[in-house]
Amino acid sequence: MKITNREIVKIFNGIRTIEEKKLPVKLGFAINKNVKAMRGIAEAYDAERKKILDKYGQKDEDGQLEISGDEYVLTDKKAYAAEMNELLGIESELQVHTVTIDDISRCDEDKFDALTPGELEILEFMIEE
């Protein structure tokens, strides 16, 4: 399946809490396999993101990126946003290990941790229809 960097960032930002839950073996295996398959794409994305930030980030006298509040200070916000949007839109081919809705439904059993609607949205890419 084709997946964009934007989707991978969303998955990686939300998957950590899911990985910590008690899940059925088949679901846990599929999540781990998919995370490992995405890791290379995520690392390539992050390396390019850092280059873009280095290009547009304002640096202090020590050459360190300046931060104001919780954001980097940018020299050209519009150009930075354009390059980041281009990077986030890039598609990669990903071999996805899928599960069924029945596999997901097993999380409702007492011995497993239930999934929230937000967590289900994160896993949507790997659920067979």
C-alpha atoms as a PDB file:
ATOM      1  CA  MET A   1       0.000   0.000   0.000  1.00  0.00           C
ATOM      2  CA  LYS A   2       1.060   3.578  -0.561  1.00  0.00           C
ATOM      3  CA  ILE A   3       1.402   5.719   2.551  1.00  0.00           C
ATOM      4  CA  THR A   4       2.417   9.361   2.937  1.00  0.00           C
ATOM      5  CA  ASN A   5       4.960  10.723   5.382  1.00  0.00           C
ATOM      6  CA  ARG A   6       2.071  12.665   6.972  1.00  0.00           C
ATOM      7  CA  GLU A   7       0.284   9.377   7.730  1.00  0.00           C
ATOM      8  CA  ILE A   8       3.462   7.785   9.089  1.00  0.00           C
ATOM      9  CA  VAL A   9       4.067  10.746  11.428  1.00  0.00           C
ATOM     10  CA  LYS A  10       0.470  10.458  12.686  1.00  0.00           C
ATOM     11  CA  ILE A  11       0.853   6.711  13.266  1.00  0.00           C
ATOM     12  CA  PHE A  12       4.236   7.030  15.007  1.00  0.00           C
ATOM     13  CA  ASN A  13       2.948   9.828  17.260  1.00  0.00           C
ATOM     14  CA  GLY A  14       0.034   7.698  18.444  1.00  0.00           C
ATOM     15  CA  ILE A  15       1.279   4.125  18.341  1.00  0.00           C
ATOM     16  CA  ARG A  16       3.400   4.244  21.520  1.00  0.00           C
ATOM     17  CA  THR A  17       0.387   4.227  23.848  1.00  0.00           C
ATOM     18  CA  ILE A  18      -1.143   1.333  21.903  1.00  0.00           C
ATOM     19  CA  GLU A  19       2.068  -0.719  22.096  1.00  0.00           C
ATOM     20  CA  GLU A  20       1.996  -0.461  25.907  1.00  0.00           C
ATOM     21  CA  LYS A  21      -1.466  -2.044  26.139  1.00  0.00           C
ATOM     22  CA  LYS A  22      -2.251  -5.708  26.738  1.00  0.00           C
ATOM     23  CA  LEU A  23      -3.328  -6.824  23.266  1.00  0.00           C
ATOM     24  CA  PRO A  24      -4.245 -10.109  21.584  1.00  0.00           C
ATOM     25  CA  VAL A  25      -1.108 -11.783  20.197  1.00  0.00           C
ATOM     26  CA  LYS A  26      -2.137 -11.449  16.538  1.00  0.00           C
ATOM     27  CA  LEU A  27      -2.817  -7.719  16.886  1.00  0.00           C
ATOM     28  CA  GLY A  28       0.352  -7.045  18.871  1.00  0.00           C
ATOM     29  CA  PHE A  29       2.422  -8.939  16.298  1.00  0.00           C
ATOM     30  CA  ALA A  30       0.865  -7.018  13.391  1.00  0.00           C
ATOM     31  CA  ILE A  31       1.490  -3.673  15.098  1.00  0.00           C
ATOM     32  CA  ASN A  32       5.141  -4.534  15.819  1.00  0.00           C
ATOM     33  CA  LYS A  33       5.715  -5.790  12.282  1.00  0.00           C
ATOM     34  CA  ASN A  34       4.186  -2.649  10.759  1.00  0.00           C
ATOM     35  CA  VAL A  35       6.140  -0.315  13.048  1.00  0.00           C
ATOM     36  CA  LYS A  36       9.382  -2.038  12.037  1.00  0.00           C
ATOM     37  CA  ALA A  37       8.427  -1.750   8.351  1.00  0.00           C
ATOM     38  CA  MET A  38       7.741   1.987   8.774  1.00  0.00           C
ATOM     39  CA  ARG A  39      10.853   2.751  10.807  1.00  0.00           C
ATOM     40  CA  GLY A  40      13.130   3.195   7.765  1.00  0.00           C
ATOM     41  CA  ILE A  41      10.660   5.559   6.115  1.00  0.00           C
ATOM     42  CA  ALA A  42      10.270   7.507   9.371  1.00  0.00           C
ATOM     43  CA  GLU A  43      14.044   7.824   9.768  1.00  0.00           C
ATOM     44  CA  ALA A  44      14.435   9.110   6.195  1.00  0.00           C
ATOM     45  CA  TYR A  45      11.612  11.595   6.809  1.00  0.00           C
ATOM     46  CA  ASP A  46      13.195  12.796  10.059  1.00  0.00           C
ATOM     47  CA  ALA A  47      16.607  13.279   8.439  1.00  0.00           C
ATOM     48  CA  GLU A  48      15.076  15.405   5.679  1.00  0.00           C
ATOM     49  CA  ARG A  49      12.922  17.321   8.205  1.00  0.00           C
ATOM     50  CA  LYS A  50      16.087  18.211  10.132  1.00  0.00           C
ATOM     51  CA  LYS A  51      17.750  19.470   6.931  1.00  0.00           C
ATOM     52  CA  ILE A  52      14.763  21.715   6.202  1.00  0.00           C
ATOM     53  CA  LEU A  53      14.764  23.006   9.776  1.00  0.00           C
ATOM     54  CA  ASP A  54      18.499  23.659   9.595  1.00  0.00           C
ATOM     55  CA  LYS A  55      17.979  25.541   6.324  1.00  0.00           C
ATOM     56  CA  TYR A  56      15.214  27.830   7.644  1.00  0.00           C
ATOM     57  CA  GLY A  57      15.870  27.862  11.381  1.00  0.00           C
ATOM     58  CA  GLN A  58      17.443  30.970  12.875  1.00  0.00           C
ATOM     59  CA  LYS A  59      20.663  30.170  14.723  1.00  0.00           C
ATOM     60  CA  ASP A  60      22.238  31.840  17.734  1.00  0.00           C
ATOM     61  CA  GLU A  61      25.900  32.884  17.979  1.00  0.00           C
ATOM     62  CA  ASP A  62      26.853  29.270  18.831  1.00  0.00           C
ATOM     63  CA  GLY A  63      25.159  27.943  15.702  1.00  0.00           C
ATOM     64  CA  GLN A  64      22.291  26.365  17.657  1.00  0.00           C
ATOM     65  CA  LEU A  65      18.703  26.648  16.447  1.00  0.00           C
ATOM     66  CA  GLU A  66      16.827  29.339  18.361  1.00  0.00           C
ATOM     67  CA  ILE A  67      13.608  28.436  20.147  1.00  0.00           C
ATOM     68  CA  SER A  68      10.915  30.881  21.239  1.00  0.00           C
ATOM     69  CA  GLY A  69       8.365  29.342  23.575  1.00  0.00           C
ATOM     70  CA  ASP A  70       7.972  25.842  22.190  1.00  0.00           C
ATOM     71  CA  GLU A  71       8.697  26.649  18.535  1.00  0.00           C
ATOM     72  CA  TYR A  72      11.801  27.093  16.438  1.00  0.00           C
ATOM     73  CA  VAL A  73      12.430  30.630  15.196  1.00  0.00           C
ATOM     74  CA  LEU A  74      12.273  30.531  11.390  1.00  0.00           C
ATOM     75  CA  THR A  75      13.858  32.933   8.915  1.00  0.00           C
ATOM     76  CA  ASP A  76      11.227  32.228   6.207  1.00  0.00           C
ATOM     77  CA  LYS A  77       8.056  30.607   7.561  1.00  0.00           C
ATOM     78  CA  LYS A  78       6.356  30.434   4.158  1.00  0.00           C
ATOM     79  CA  ALA A  79       9.249  28.625   2.446  1.00  0.00           C
ATOM     80  CA  TYR A  80       9.672  26.330   5.454  1.00  0.00           C
ATOM     81  CA  ALA A  81       5.962  25.430   5.403  1.00  0.00           C
ATOM     82  CA  ALA A  82       6.056  24.791   1.644  1.00  0.00           C
ATOM     83  CA  GLU A  83       9.019  22.410   1.903  1.00  0.00           C
ATOM     84  CA  MET A  84       7.543  20.641   4.931  1.00  0.00           C
ATOM     85  CA  ASN A  85       4.209  20.166   3.130  1.00  0.00           C
ATOM     86  CA  GLU A  86       6.057  18.725   0.148  1.00  0.00           C
ATOM     87  CA  LEU A  87       7.980  16.360   2.438  1.00  0.00           C
ATOM     88  CA  LEU A  88       4.822  15.305   4.301  1.00  0.00           C
ATOM     89  CA  GLY A  89       3.066  14.574   0.995  1.00  0.00           C
ATOM     90  CA  ILE A  90       5.707  12.160  -0.319  1.00  0.00           C
ATOM     91  CA  GLU A  91       4.373   8.616  -0.700  1.00  0.00           C
ATOM     92  CA  SER A  92       6.239   5.403   0.017  1.00  0.00           C
ATOM     93  CA  GLU A  93       5.312   1.803  -0.653  1.00  0.00           C
ATOM     94  CA  LEU A  94       4.676  -0.139   2.553  1.00  0.00           C
ATOM     95  CA  GLN A  95       4.005  -3.845   2.963  1.00  0.00           C
ATOM     96  CA  VAL A  96       1.269  -3.779   5.622  1.00  0.00           C
ATOM     97  CA  HIS A  97       0.523  -6.720   7.908  1.00  0.00           C
ATOM     98  CA  THR A  98      -3.272  -6.571   8.248  1.00  0.00           C
ATOM     99  CA  VAL A  99      -5.749  -7.744  10.871  1.00  0.00           C
ATOM    100  CA  THR A 100      -9.515  -8.193  10.758  1.00  0.00           C
ATOM    101  CA  ILE A 101     -12.129  -6.297  12.706  1.00  0.00           C
ATOM    102  CA  ASP A 102     -12.681  -9.550  14.641  1.00  0.00           C
ATOM    103  CA  ASP A 103      -9.014  -9.452  15.720  1.00  0.00           C
ATOM    104  CA  ILE A 104      -9.522  -5.871  16.898  1.00  0.00           C
ATOM    105  CA  SER A 105     -12.783  -6.777  18.680  1.00  0.00           C
ATOM    106  CA  ARG A 106     -10.892  -9.216  20.900  1.00  0.00           C
ATOM    107  CA  CYS A 107      -9.514  -6.163  22.731  1.00  0.00           C
ATOM    108  CA  ASP A 108     -12.952  -5.883  24.352  1.00  0.00           C
ATOM    109  CA  GLU A 109     -12.361  -9.159  26.211  1.00  0.00           C
ATOM    110  CA  ASP A 110     -11.588  -8.722  29.920  1.00  0.00           C
ATOM    111  CA  LYS A 111      -8.030 -10.050  29.645  1.00  0.00           C
ATOM    112  CA  PHE A 112      -7.044  -7.315  27.146  1.00  0.00           C
ATOM    113  CA  ASP A 113      -7.015  -3.515  27.202  1.00  0.00           C
ATOM    114  CA  ALA A 114      -9.787  -1.859  25.199  1.00  0.00           C
ATOM    115  CA  LEU A 115      -8.872   0.503  22.370  1.00  0.00           C
ATOM    116  CA  THR A 116     -10.194   4.061  22.268  1.00  0.00           C
ATOM    117  CA  PRO A 117     -11.765   5.533  19.107  1.00  0.00           C
ATOM    118  CA  GLY A 118      -8.585   7.592  18.599  1.00  0.00           C
ATOM    119  CA  GLU A 119      -6.414   4.476  18.821  1.00  0.00           C
ATOM    120  CA  LEU A 120      -8.670   2.672  16.342  1.00  0.00           C
ATOM    121  CA  GLU A 121      -8.216   5.592  13.955  1.00  0.00           C
ATOM    122  CA  ILE A 122      -4.437   5.196  14.201  1.00  0.00           C
ATOM    123  CA  LEU A 123      -4.707   1.463  13.402  1.00  0.00           C
ATOM    124  CA  GLU A 124      -7.181   1.984  10.555  1.00  0.00           C
ATOM    125  CA  PHE A 125      -4.483   1.552   7.881  1.00  0.00           C
ATOM    126  CA  MET A 126      -3.962  -2.085   8.912  1.00  0.00           C
ATOM    127  CA  ILE A 127      -7.581  -3.240   9.305  1.00  0.00           C
ATOM    128  CA  GLU A 128      -8.943  -5.417   6.490  1.00  0.00           C
ATOM    129  CA  GLU A 129     -12.372  -4.515   5.206  1.00  0.00           C
END
